[in-house]
Amino acid sequence: MELNEFLKYMESGAEIEAGSEAHLCMHKLSQEAIRLTTELNGSYHTNEEIVEIMCEITGRRVDETFSLFPPFYTDCGKNLKIGKKSVLQCGCQDSGSGRRHNR
């Protein structure tokens, strides 16, 4: 399942069946988010490095005016759109990828 298709699926509010293509995609994205947020939260980074990591997390360009005070947590990240001059405070958490699961 392609990212755009997955995001549309999530926006529809449909349940995710265990073992489905959407579930496998969600798992892959979650594992990537875990790796990137661990990197982000695990040591000091300059603002430029934070912007670069957030570009990877979101899969989109993040403006250099963005600021983040780690730690930051997400179970996906690809659903995020970050505007210019946005600031995320310490302990911010996004949990938007997997609202509904059918296990």
PDB file of N, CA and C in Angstrom:
ATOM      1  N   MET A   1       0.849  -1.174   0.000  1.00  0.00           N
ATOM      2  CA  MET A   1       0.000   0.000   0.000  1.00  0.00           C
ATOM      3  C   MET A   1       0.894   1.235   0.000  1.00  0.00           C
ATOM      4  N   GLU A   2       0.612   2.156  -0.903  1.00  0.00           N
ATOM      5  CA  GLU A   2       1.375   3.404  -0.994  1.00  0.00           C
ATOM      6  C   GLU A   2       0.962   4.353   0.139  1.00  0.00           C
ATOM      7  N   LEU A   3       1.857   5.257   0.500  1.00  0.00           N
ATOM      8  CA  LEU A   3       1.631   6.178   1.603  1.00  0.00           C
ATOM      9  C   LEU A   3       0.350   6.995   1.424  1.00  0.00           C
ATOM     10  N   ASN A   4       0.164   7.590   0.249  1.00  0.00           N
ATOM     11  CA  ASN A   4      -1.031   8.416   0.029  1.00  0.00           C
ATOM     12  C   ASN A   4      -2.308   7.607   0.172  1.00  0.00           C
ATOM     13  N   GLU A   5      -2.282   6.383  -0.308  1.00  0.00           N
ATOM     14  CA  GLU A   5      -3.441   5.499  -0.177  1.00  0.00           C
ATOM     15  C   GLU A   5      -3.708   5.196   1.302  1.00  0.00           C
ATOM     16  N   PHE A   6      -2.645   4.932   2.064  1.00  0.00           N
ATOM     17  CA  PHE A   6      -2.785   4.662   3.491  1.00  0.00           C
ATOM     18  C   PHE A   6      -3.362   5.871   4.223  1.00  0.00           C
ATOM     19  N   LEU A   7      -2.837   7.063   3.929  1.00  0.00           N
ATOM     20  CA  LEU A   7      -3.326   8.265   4.605  1.00  0.00           C
ATOM     21  C   LEU A   7      -4.797   8.512   4.296  1.00  0.00           C
ATOM     22  N   LYS A   8      -5.204   8.292   3.048  1.00  0.00           N
ATOM     23  CA  LYS A   8      -6.623   8.418   2.680  1.00  0.00           C
ATOM     24  C   LYS A   8      -7.469   7.420   3.454  1.00  0.00           C
ATOM     25  N   TYR A   9      -6.964   6.211   3.561  1.00  0.00           N
ATOM     26  CA  TYR A   9      -7.662   5.163   4.296  1.00  0.00           C
ATOM     27  C   TYR A   9      -7.856   5.576   5.750  1.00  0.00           C
ATOM     28  N   MET A  10      -6.799   6.126   6.347  1.00  0.00           N
ATOM     29  CA  MET A  10      -6.880   6.558   7.747  1.00  0.00           C
ATOM     30  C   MET A  10      -7.864   7.712   7.906  1.00  0.00           C
ATOM     31  N   GLU A  11      -7.848   8.642   6.969  1.00  0.00           N
ATOM     32  CA  GLU A  11      -8.759   9.785   7.038  1.00  0.00           C
ATOM     33  C   GLU A  11     -10.217   9.356   6.908  1.00  0.00           C
ATOM     34  N   SER A  12     -10.460   8.214   6.280  1.00  0.00           N
ATOM     35  CA  SER A  12     -11.832   7.736   6.104  1.00  0.00           C
ATOM     36  C   SER A  12     -12.434   7.231   7.406  1.00  0.00           C
ATOM     37  N   GLY A  13     -11.578   6.928   8.396  1.00  0.00           N
ATOM     38  CA  GLY A  13     -12.072   6.414   9.668  1.00  0.00           C
ATOM     39  C   GLY A  13     -12.324   4.916   9.664  1.00  0.00           C
ATOM     40  N   ALA A  14     -11.970   4.242   8.582  1.00  0.00           N
ATOM     41  CA  ALA A  14     -12.194   2.803   8.480  1.00  0.00           C
ATOM     42  C   ALA A  14     -11.320   2.039   9.475  1.00  0.00           C
ATOM     43  N   GLU A  15     -11.818   0.894   9.905  1.00  0.00           N
ATOM     44  CA  GLU A  15     -11.032   0.042  10.791  1.00  0.00           C
ATOM     45  C   GLU A  15      -9.908  -0.618  10.020  1.00  0.00           C
ATOM     46  N   ILE A  16      -8.856  -0.957  10.731  1.00  0.00           N
ATOM     47  CA  ILE A  16      -7.731  -1.667  10.134  1.00  0.00           C
ATOM     48  C   ILE A  16      -7.783  -3.106  10.620  1.00  0.00           C
ATOM     49  N   GLU A  17      -7.913  -4.006   9.684  1.00  0.00           N
ATOM     50  CA  GLU A  17      -7.953  -5.430  10.004  1.00  0.00           C
ATOM     51  C   GLU A  17      -6.532  -5.940  10.226  1.00  0.00           C
ATOM     52  N   ALA A  18      -6.343  -6.720  11.287  1.00  0.00           N
ATOM     53  CA  ALA A  18      -5.043  -7.320  11.561  1.00  0.00           C
ATOM     54  C   ALA A  18      -4.596  -8.144  10.370  1.00  0.00           C
ATOM     55  N   GLY A  19      -3.353  -7.946   9.949  1.00  0.00           N
ATOM     56  CA  GLY A  19      -2.788  -8.690   8.843  1.00  0.00           C
ATOM     57  C   GLY A  19      -3.114  -8.127   7.469  1.00  0.00           C
ATOM     58  N   SER A  20      -3.949  -7.095   7.422  1.00  0.00           N
ATOM     59  CA  SER A  20      -4.310  -6.496   6.140  1.00  0.00           C
ATOM     60  C   SER A  20      -3.166  -5.674   5.577  1.00  0.00           C
ATOM     61  N   GLU A  21      -3.321  -5.284   4.323  1.00  0.00           N
ATOM     62  CA  GLU A  21      -2.317  -4.444   3.679  1.00  0.00           C
ATOM     63  C   GLU A  21      -2.146  -3.126   4.444  1.00  0.00           C
ATOM     64  N   ALA A  22      -3.256  -2.541   4.904  1.00  0.00           N
ATOM     65  CA  ALA A  22      -3.203  -1.299   5.674  1.00  0.00           C
ATOM     66  C   ALA A  22      -2.470  -1.517   7.000  1.00  0.00           C
ATOM     67  N   HIS A  23      -2.696  -2.673   7.634  1.00  0.00           N
ATOM     68  CA  HIS A  23      -2.029  -2.982   8.896  1.00  0.00           C
ATOM     69  C   HIS A  23      -0.526  -3.129   8.693  1.00  0.00           C
ATOM     70  N   LEU A  24      -0.134  -3.802   7.624  1.00  0.00           N
ATOM     71  CA  LEU A  24       1.293  -3.971   7.334  1.00  0.00           C
ATOM     72  C   LEU A  24       1.950  -2.627   7.041  1.00  0.00           C
ATOM     73  N   CYS A  25       1.255  -1.762   6.308  1.00  0.00           N
ATOM     74  CA  CYS A  25       1.778  -0.430   6.006  1.00  0.00           C
ATOM     75  C   CYS A  25       1.914   0.384   7.298  1.00  0.00           C
ATOM     76  N   MET A  26       0.887   0.328   8.142  1.00  0.00           N
ATOM     77  CA  MET A  26       0.923   1.053   9.410  1.00  0.00           C
ATOM     78  C   MET A  26       2.097   0.581  10.265  1.00  0.00           C
ATOM     79  N   HIS A  27       2.312  -0.721  10.296  1.00  0.00           N
ATOM     80  CA  HIS A  27       3.419  -1.271  11.079  1.00  0.00           C
ATOM     81  C   HIS A  27       4.767  -0.766  10.556  1.00  0.00           C
ATOM     82  N   LYS A  28       4.922  -0.787   9.242  1.00  0.00           N
ATOM     83  CA  LYS A  28       6.173  -0.299   8.629  1.00  0.00           C
ATOM     84  C   LYS A  28       6.407   1.171   8.973  1.00  0.00           C
ATOM     85  N   LEU A  29       5.361   1.999   8.848  1.00  0.00           N
ATOM     86  CA  LEU A  29       5.486   3.424   9.165  1.00  0.00           C
ATOM     87  C   LEU A  29       5.772   3.642  10.645  1.00  0.00           C
ATOM     88  N   SER A  30       5.153   2.838  11.493  1.00  0.00           N
ATOM     89  CA  SER A  30       5.386   2.951  12.939  1.00  0.00           C
ATOM     90  C   SER A  30       6.825   2.602  13.291  1.00  0.00           C
ATOM     91  N   GLN A  31       7.367   1.563  12.667  1.00  0.00           N
ATOM     92  CA  GLN A  31       8.750   1.182  12.932  1.00  0.00           C
ATOM     93  C   GLN A  31       9.713   2.285  12.493  1.00  0.00           C
ATOM     94  N   GLU A  32       9.426   2.905  11.361  1.00  0.00           N
ATOM     95  CA  GLU A  32      10.246   4.025  10.894  1.00  0.00           C
ATOM     96  C   GLU A  32      10.143   5.190  11.877  1.00  0.00           C
ATOM     97  N   ALA A  33       8.936   5.482  12.357  1.00  0.00           N
ATOM     98  CA  ALA A  33       8.742   6.572  13.311  1.00  0.00           C
ATOM     99  C   ALA A  33       9.476   6.294  14.619  1.00  0.00           C
ATOM    100  N   ILE A  34       9.466   5.054  15.081  1.00  0.00           N
ATOM    101  CA  ILE A  34      10.191   4.690  16.300  1.00  0.00           C
ATOM    102  C   ILE A  34      11.682   4.946  16.112  1.00  0.00           C
ATOM    103  N   ARG A  35      12.217   4.512  14.980  1.00  0.00           N
ATOM    104  CA  ARG A  35      13.653   4.710  14.716  1.00  0.00           C
ATOM    105  C   ARG A  35      14.015   6.191  14.699  1.00  0.00           C
ATOM    106  N   LEU A  36      13.203   6.986  13.995  1.00  0.00           N
ATOM    107  CA  LEU A  36      13.513   8.412  13.851  1.00  0.00           C
ATOM    108  C   LEU A  36      13.299   9.193  15.143  1.00  0.00           C
ATOM    109  N   THR A  37      12.242   8.893  15.888  1.00  0.00           N
ATOM    110  CA  THR A  37      12.027   9.614  17.152  1.00  0.00           C
ATOM    111  C   THR A  37      13.056   9.210  18.198  1.00  0.00           C
ATOM    112  N   THR A  38      13.522   7.968  18.155  1.00  0.00           N
ATOM    113  CA  THR A  38      14.596   7.557  19.060  1.00  0.00           C
ATOM    114  C   THR A  38      15.864   8.340  18.752  1.00  0.00           C
ATOM    115  N   GLU A  39      16.159   8.507  17.465  1.00  0.00           N
ATOM    116  CA  GLU A  39      17.315   9.306  17.056  1.00  0.00           C
ATOM    117  C   GLU A  39      17.131  10.760  17.511  1.00  0.00           C
ATOM    118  N   LEU A  40      15.948  11.301  17.276  1.00  0.00           N
ATOM    119  CA  LEU A  40      15.658  12.692  17.630  1.00  0.00           C
ATOM    120  C   LEU A  40      15.772  12.922  19.135  1.00  0.00           C
ATOM    121  N   ASN A  41      15.203  12.028  19.921  1.00  0.00           N
ATOM    122  CA  ASN A  41      15.120  12.220  21.368  1.00  0.00           C
ATOM    123  C   ASN A  41      16.346  11.730  22.121  1.00  0.00           C
ATOM    124  N   GLY A  42      17.207  10.972  21.446  1.00  0.00           N
ATOM    125  CA  GLY A  42      18.311  10.312  22.135  1.00  0.00           C
ATOM    126  C   GLY A  42      19.549  11.140  22.379  1.00  0.00           C
ATOM    127  N   SER A  43      19.673  12.280  21.715  1.00  0.00           N
ATOM    128  CA  SER A  43      20.851  13.119  21.920  1.00  0.00           C
ATOM    129  C   SER A  43      20.566  14.533  21.438  1.00  0.00           C
ATOM    130  N   TYR A  44      21.515  15.418  21.704  1.00  0.00           N
ATOM    131  CA  TYR A  44      21.369  16.815  21.306  1.00  0.00           C
ATOM    132  C   TYR A  44      21.453  16.949  19.791  1.00  0.00           C
ATOM    133  N   HIS A  45      20.603  17.831  19.244  1.00  0.00           N
ATOM    134  CA  HIS A  45      20.643  18.155  17.822  1.00  0.00           C
ATOM    135  C   HIS A  45      20.491  19.655  17.643  1.00  0.00           C
ATOM    136  N   THR A  46      21.188  20.198  16.659  1.00  0.00           N
ATOM    137  CA  THR A  46      20.979  21.595  16.292  1.00  0.00           C
ATOM    138  C   THR A  46      19.588  21.731  15.682  1.00  0.00           C
ATOM    139  N   ASN A  47      19.108  22.965  15.562  1.00  0.00           N
ATOM    140  CA  ASN A  47      17.799  23.162  14.945  1.00  0.00           C
ATOM    141  C   ASN A  47      17.794  22.654  13.502  1.00  0.00           C
ATOM    142  N   GLU A  48      18.890  22.836  12.793  1.00  0.00           N
ATOM    143  CA  GLU A  48      18.980  22.356  11.419  1.00  0.00           C
ATOM    144  C   GLU A  48      18.837  20.832  11.360  1.00  0.00           C
ATOM    145  N   GLU A  49      19.470  20.137  12.291  1.00  0.00           N
ATOM    146  CA  GLU A  49      19.368  18.681  12.351  1.00  0.00           C
ATOM    147  C   GLU A  49      17.945  18.251  12.714  1.00  0.00           C
ATOM    148  N   ILE A  50      17.321  18.981  13.634  1.00  0.00           N
ATOM    149  CA  ILE A  50      15.938  18.679  14.015  1.00  0.00           C
ATOM    150  C   ILE A  50      15.015  18.833  12.811  1.00  0.00           C
ATOM    151  N   VAL A  51      15.184  19.912  12.065  1.00  0.00           N
ATOM    152  CA  VAL A  51      14.362  20.130  10.867  1.00  0.00           C
ATOM    153  C   VAL A  51      14.559  18.971   9.886  1.00  0.00           C
ATOM    154  N   GLU A  52      15.794  18.539   9.701  1.00  0.00           N
ATOM    155  CA  GLU A  52      16.092  17.432   8.785  1.00  0.00           C
ATOM    156  C   GLU A  52      15.407  16.144   9.237  1.00  0.00           C
ATOM    157  N   ILE A  53      15.486  15.839  10.528  1.00  0.00           N
ATOM    158  CA  ILE A  53      14.845  14.630  11.050  1.00  0.00           C
ATOM    159  C   ILE A  53      13.324  14.733  10.921  1.00  0.00           C
ATOM    160  N   MET A  54      12.762  15.910  11.185  1.00  0.00           N
ATOM    161  CA  MET A  54      11.321  16.079  11.057  1.00  0.00           C
ATOM    162  C   MET A  54      10.872  15.954   9.601  1.00  0.00           C
ATOM    163  N   CYS A  55      11.721  16.347   8.659  1.00  0.00           N
ATOM    164  CA  CYS A  55      11.411  16.119   7.240  1.00  0.00           C
ATOM    165  C   CYS A  55      11.295  14.626   6.969  1.00  0.00           C
ATOM    166  N   GLU A  56      12.183  13.843   7.553  1.00  0.00           N
ATOM    167  CA  GLU A  56      12.125  12.385   7.387  1.00  0.00           C
ATOM    168  C   GLU A  56      10.886  11.815   8.060  1.00  0.00           C
ATOM    169  N   ILE A  57      10.575  12.297   9.261  1.00  0.00           N
ATOM    170  CA  ILE A  57       9.412  11.794   9.996  1.00  0.00           C
ATOM    171  C   ILE A  57       8.122  12.082   9.234  1.00  0.00           C
ATOM    172  N   THR A  58       7.981  13.303   8.733  1.00  0.00           N
ATOM    173  CA  THR A  58       6.735  13.690   8.069  1.00  0.00           C
ATOM    174  C   THR A  58       6.684  13.302   6.597  1.00  0.00           C
ATOM    175  N   GLY A  59       7.849  13.101   5.994  1.00  0.00           N
ATOM    176  CA  GLY A  59       7.892  12.835   4.564  1.00  0.00           C
ATOM    177  C   GLY A  59       7.619  14.079   3.736  1.00  0.00           C
ATOM    178  N   ARG A  60       7.731  15.245   4.371  1.00  0.00           N
ATOM    179  CA  ARG A  60       7.468  16.526   3.714  1.00  0.00           C
ATOM    180  C   ARG A  60       8.579  17.512   4.071  1.00  0.00           C
ATOM    181  N   ARG A  61       8.642  18.557   3.290  1.00  0.00           N
ATOM    182  CA  ARG A  61       9.558  19.652   3.615  1.00  0.00           C
ATOM    183  C   ARG A  61       9.051  20.351   4.874  1.00  0.00           C
ATOM    184  N   VAL A  62       9.943  20.577   5.821  1.00  0.00           N
ATOM    185  CA  VAL A  62       9.642  21.339   7.032  1.00  0.00           C
ATOM    186  C   VAL A  62      10.484  22.607   6.967  1.00  0.00           C
ATOM    187  N   ASP A  63       9.841  23.754   7.126  1.00  0.00           N
ATOM    188  CA  ASP A  63      10.521  25.036   7.007  1.00  0.00           C
ATOM    189  C   ASP A  63      11.578  25.194   8.096  1.00  0.00           C
ATOM    190  N   GLU A  64      12.668  25.880   7.754  1.00  0.00           N
ATOM    191  CA  GLU A  64      13.769  26.076   8.709  1.00  0.00           C
ATOM    192  C   GLU A  64      13.375  26.937   9.906  1.00  0.00           C
ATOM    193  N   THR A  65      12.206  27.601   9.854  1.00  0.00           N
ATOM    194  CA  THR A  65      11.729  28.399  10.986  1.00  0.00           C
ATOM    195  C   THR A  65      11.041  27.537  12.042  1.00  0.00           C
ATOM    196  N   PHE A  66      10.871  26.259  11.779  1.00  0.00           N
ATOM    197  CA  PHE A  66      10.249  25.321  12.724  1.00  0.00           C
ATOM    198  C   PHE A  66      11.168  25.130  13.929  1.00  0.00           C
ATOM    199  N   SER A  67      10.554  25.014  15.118  1.00  0.00           N
ATOM    200  CA  SER A  67      11.310  24.740  16.344  1.00  0.00           C
ATOM    201  C   SER A  67      10.669  23.584  17.093  1.00  0.00           C
ATOM    202  N   LEU A  68      11.517  22.790  17.728  1.00  0.00           N
ATOM    203  CA  LEU A  68      11.049  21.661  18.527  1.00  0.00           C
ATOM    204  C   LEU A  68      11.883  21.561  19.785  1.00  0.00           C
ATOM    205  N   PHE A  69      11.202  21.366  20.903  1.00  0.00           N
ATOM    206  CA  PHE A  69      11.862  21.093  22.172  1.00  0.00           C
ATOM    207  C   PHE A  69      11.565  19.640  22.515  1.00  0.00           C
ATOM    208  N   PRO A  70      12.520  18.727  22.247  1.00  0.00           N
ATOM    209  CA  PRO A  70      12.293  17.300  22.487  1.00  0.00           C
ATOM    210  C   PRO A  70      12.032  17.016  23.972  1.00  0.00           C
ATOM    211  N   PRO A  71      11.423  15.892  24.294  1.00  0.00           N
ATOM    212  CA  PRO A  71      11.145  14.796  23.389  1.00  0.00           C
ATOM    213  C   PRO A  71       9.863  15.013  22.588  1.00  0.00           C
ATOM    214  N   PHE A  72       9.810  14.339  21.458  1.00  0.00           N
ATOM    215  CA  PHE A  72       8.653  14.322  20.573  1.00  0.00           C
ATOM    216  C   PHE A  72       8.323  12.867  20.274  1.00  0.00           C
ATOM    217  N   TYR A  73       7.035  12.546  20.260  1.00  0.00           N
ATOM    218  CA  TYR A  73       6.610  11.170  20.022  1.00  0.00           C
ATOM    219  C   TYR A  73       5.545  11.129  18.931  1.00  0.00           C
ATOM    220  N   THR A  74       5.627  10.127  18.079  1.00  0.00           N
ATOM    221  CA  THR A  74       4.599   9.883  17.077  1.00  0.00           C
ATOM    222  C   THR A  74       4.572   8.409  16.748  1.00  0.00           C
ATOM    223  N   ASP A  75       3.393   7.913  16.394  1.00  0.00           N
ATOM    224  CA  ASP A  75       3.297   6.519  15.969  1.00  0.00           C
ATOM    225  C   ASP A  75       3.236   6.408  14.451  1.00  0.00           C
ATOM    226  N   CYS A  76       3.380   7.549  13.770  1.00  0.00           N
ATOM    227  CA  CYS A  76       3.395   7.541  12.305  1.00  0.00           C
ATOM    228  C   CYS A  76       4.212   8.718  11.795  1.00  0.00           C
ATOM    229  N   GLY A  77       3.669   9.922  11.938  1.00  0.00           N
ATOM    230  CA  GLY A  77       4.367  11.129  11.504  1.00  0.00           C
ATOM    231  C   GLY A  77       4.033  11.567  10.102  1.00  0.00           C
ATOM    232  N   LYS A  78       3.708  10.618   9.241  1.00  0.00           N
ATOM    233  CA  LYS A  78       3.420  10.963   7.842  1.00  0.00           C
ATOM    234  C   LYS A  78       2.117  11.733   7.703  1.00  0.00           C
ATOM    235  N   ASN A  79       1.293  11.725   8.742  1.00  0.00           N
ATOM    236  CA  ASN A  79       0.027  12.457   8.737  1.00  0.00           C
ATOM    237  C   ASN A  79       0.202  13.918   9.156  1.00  0.00           C
ATOM    238  N   LEU A  80       1.403  14.308   9.542  1.00  0.00           N
ATOM    239  CA  LEU A  80       1.654  15.658  10.039  1.00  0.00           C
ATOM    240  C   LEU A  80       1.990  16.635   8.922  1.00  0.00           C
ATOM    241  N   LYS A  81       1.465  17.839   9.065  1.00  0.00           N
ATOM    242  CA  LYS A  81       1.829  18.961   8.200  1.00  0.00           C
ATOM    243  C   LYS A  81       2.227  20.087   9.143  1.00  0.00           C
ATOM    244  N   ILE A  82       3.478  20.528   9.026  1.00  0.00           N
ATOM    245  CA  ILE A  82       4.022  21.531   9.949  1.00  0.00           C
ATOM    246  C   ILE A  82       4.211  22.840   9.205  1.00  0.00           C
ATOM    247  N   GLY A  83       3.581  23.895   9.701  1.00  0.00           N
ATOM    248  CA  GLY A  83       3.659  25.204   9.065  1.00  0.00           C
ATOM    249  C   GLY A  83       4.896  25.988   9.476  1.00  0.00           C
ATOM    250  N   LYS A  84       5.122  27.078   8.767  1.00  0.00           N
ATOM    251  CA  LYS A  84       6.236  27.970   9.075  1.00  0.00           C
ATOM    252  C   LYS A  84       6.071  28.527  10.481  1.00  0.00           C
ATOM    253  N   LYS A  85       7.194  28.725  11.167  1.00  0.00           N
ATOM    254  CA  LYS A  85       7.275  29.300  12.503  1.00  0.00           C
ATOM    255  C   LYS A  85       6.520  28.490  13.553  1.00  0.00           C
ATOM    256  N   SER A  86       6.250  27.219  13.261  1.00  0.00           N
ATOM    257  CA  SER A  86       5.592  26.344  14.231  1.00  0.00           C
ATOM    258  C   SER A  86       6.575  25.950  15.318  1.00  0.00           C
ATOM    259  N   VAL A  87       6.049  25.785  16.537  1.00  0.00           N
ATOM    260  CA  VAL A  87       6.856  25.367  17.677  1.00  0.00           C
ATOM    261  C   VAL A  87       6.137  24.206  18.362  1.00  0.00           C
ATOM    262  N   LEU A  88       6.852  23.097  18.554  1.00  0.00           N
ATOM    263  CA  LEU A  88       6.322  21.979  19.318  1.00  0.00           C
ATOM    264  C   LEU A  88       7.061  21.944  20.643  1.00  0.00           C
ATOM    265  N   GLN A  89       6.312  21.995  21.717  1.00  0.00           N
ATOM    266  CA  GLN A  89       6.898  22.033  23.054  1.00  0.00           C
ATOM    267  C   GLN A  89       7.297  20.637  23.527  1.00  0.00           C
ATOM    268  N   CYS A  90       8.088  20.614  24.561  1.00  0.00           N
ATOM    269  CA  CYS A  90       8.609  19.397  25.172  1.00  0.00           C
ATOM    270  C   CYS A  90       7.476  18.418  25.496  1.00  0.00           C
ATOM    271  N   GLY A  91       7.638  17.177  25.066  1.00  0.00           N
ATOM    272  CA  GLY A  91       6.668  16.131  25.370  1.00  0.00           C
ATOM    273  C   GLY A  91       5.501  16.058  24.407  1.00  0.00           C
ATOM    274  N   CYS A  92       5.569  16.786  23.305  1.00  0.00           N
ATOM    275  CA  CYS A  92       4.484  16.752  22.315  1.00  0.00           C
ATOM    276  C   CYS A  92       4.338  15.338  21.765  1.00  0.00           C
ATOM    277  N   GLN A  93       3.075  14.925  21.573  1.00  0.00           N
ATOM    278  CA  GLN A  93       2.812  13.582  21.081  1.00  0.00           C
ATOM    279  C   GLN A  93       1.745  13.612  20.008  1.00  0.00           C
ATOM    280  N   ASP A  94       2.038  12.973  18.889  1.00  0.00           N
ATOM    281  CA  ASP A  94       1.067  12.776  17.807  1.00  0.00           C
ATOM    282  C   ASP A  94       0.733  11.298  17.778  1.00  0.00           C
ATOM    283  N   SER A  95      -0.525  10.974  17.874  1.00  0.00           N
ATOM    284  CA  SER A  95      -0.905   9.566  17.799  1.00  0.00           C
ATOM    285  C   SER A  95      -2.014   9.381  16.772  1.00  0.00           C
ATOM    286  N   GLY A  96      -1.800   9.938  15.594  1.00  0.00           N
ATOM    287  CA  GLY A  96      -2.853   9.952  14.594  1.00  0.00           C
ATOM    288  C   GLY A  96      -2.873   8.834  13.587  1.00  0.00           C
ATOM    289  N   SER A  97      -1.917   7.907  13.577  1.00  0.00           N
ATOM    290  CA  SER A  97      -1.910   6.940  12.477  1.00  0.00           C
ATOM    291  C   SER A  97      -2.910   5.817  12.667  1.00  0.00           C
ATOM    292  N   GLY A  98      -3.069   5.340  13.851  1.00  0.00           N
ATOM    293  CA  GLY A  98      -3.866   4.124  14.031  1.00  0.00           C
ATOM    294  C   GLY A  98      -4.972   4.285  15.032  1.00  0.00           C
ATOM    295  N   ARG A  99      -5.934   5.105  14.693  1.00  0.00           N
ATOM    296  CA  ARG A  99      -7.020   5.352  15.628  1.00  0.00           C
ATOM    297  C   ARG A  99      -7.867   4.109  15.873  1.00  0.00           C
ATOM    298  N   ARG A 100      -8.088   3.332  14.843  1.00  0.00           N
ATOM    299  CA  ARG A 100      -9.000   2.204  14.959  1.00  0.00           C
ATOM    300  C   ARG A 100      -8.306   0.933  14.493  1.00  0.00           C
ATOM    301  N   HIS A 101      -8.317  -0.041  15.354  1.00  0.00           N
ATOM    302  CA  HIS A 101      -7.711  -1.338  15.019  1.00  0.00           C
ATOM    303  C   HIS A 101      -8.727  -2.431  15.281  1.00  0.00           C
ATOM    304  N   ASN A 102      -8.760  -3.387  14.407  1.00  0.00           N
ATOM    305  CA  ASN A 102      -9.576  -4.566  14.618  1.00  0.00           C
ATOM    306  C   ASN A 102      -8.625  -5.734  14.702  1.00  0.00           C
ATOM    307  N   ARG A 103      -8.421  -6.230  15.898  1.00  0.00           N
ATOM    308  CA  ARG A 103      -7.411  -7.288  16.094  1.00  0.00           C
ATOM    309  C   ARG A 103      -8.034  -8.640  16.148  1.00  0.00           C
TER     310      ARG A 103
END
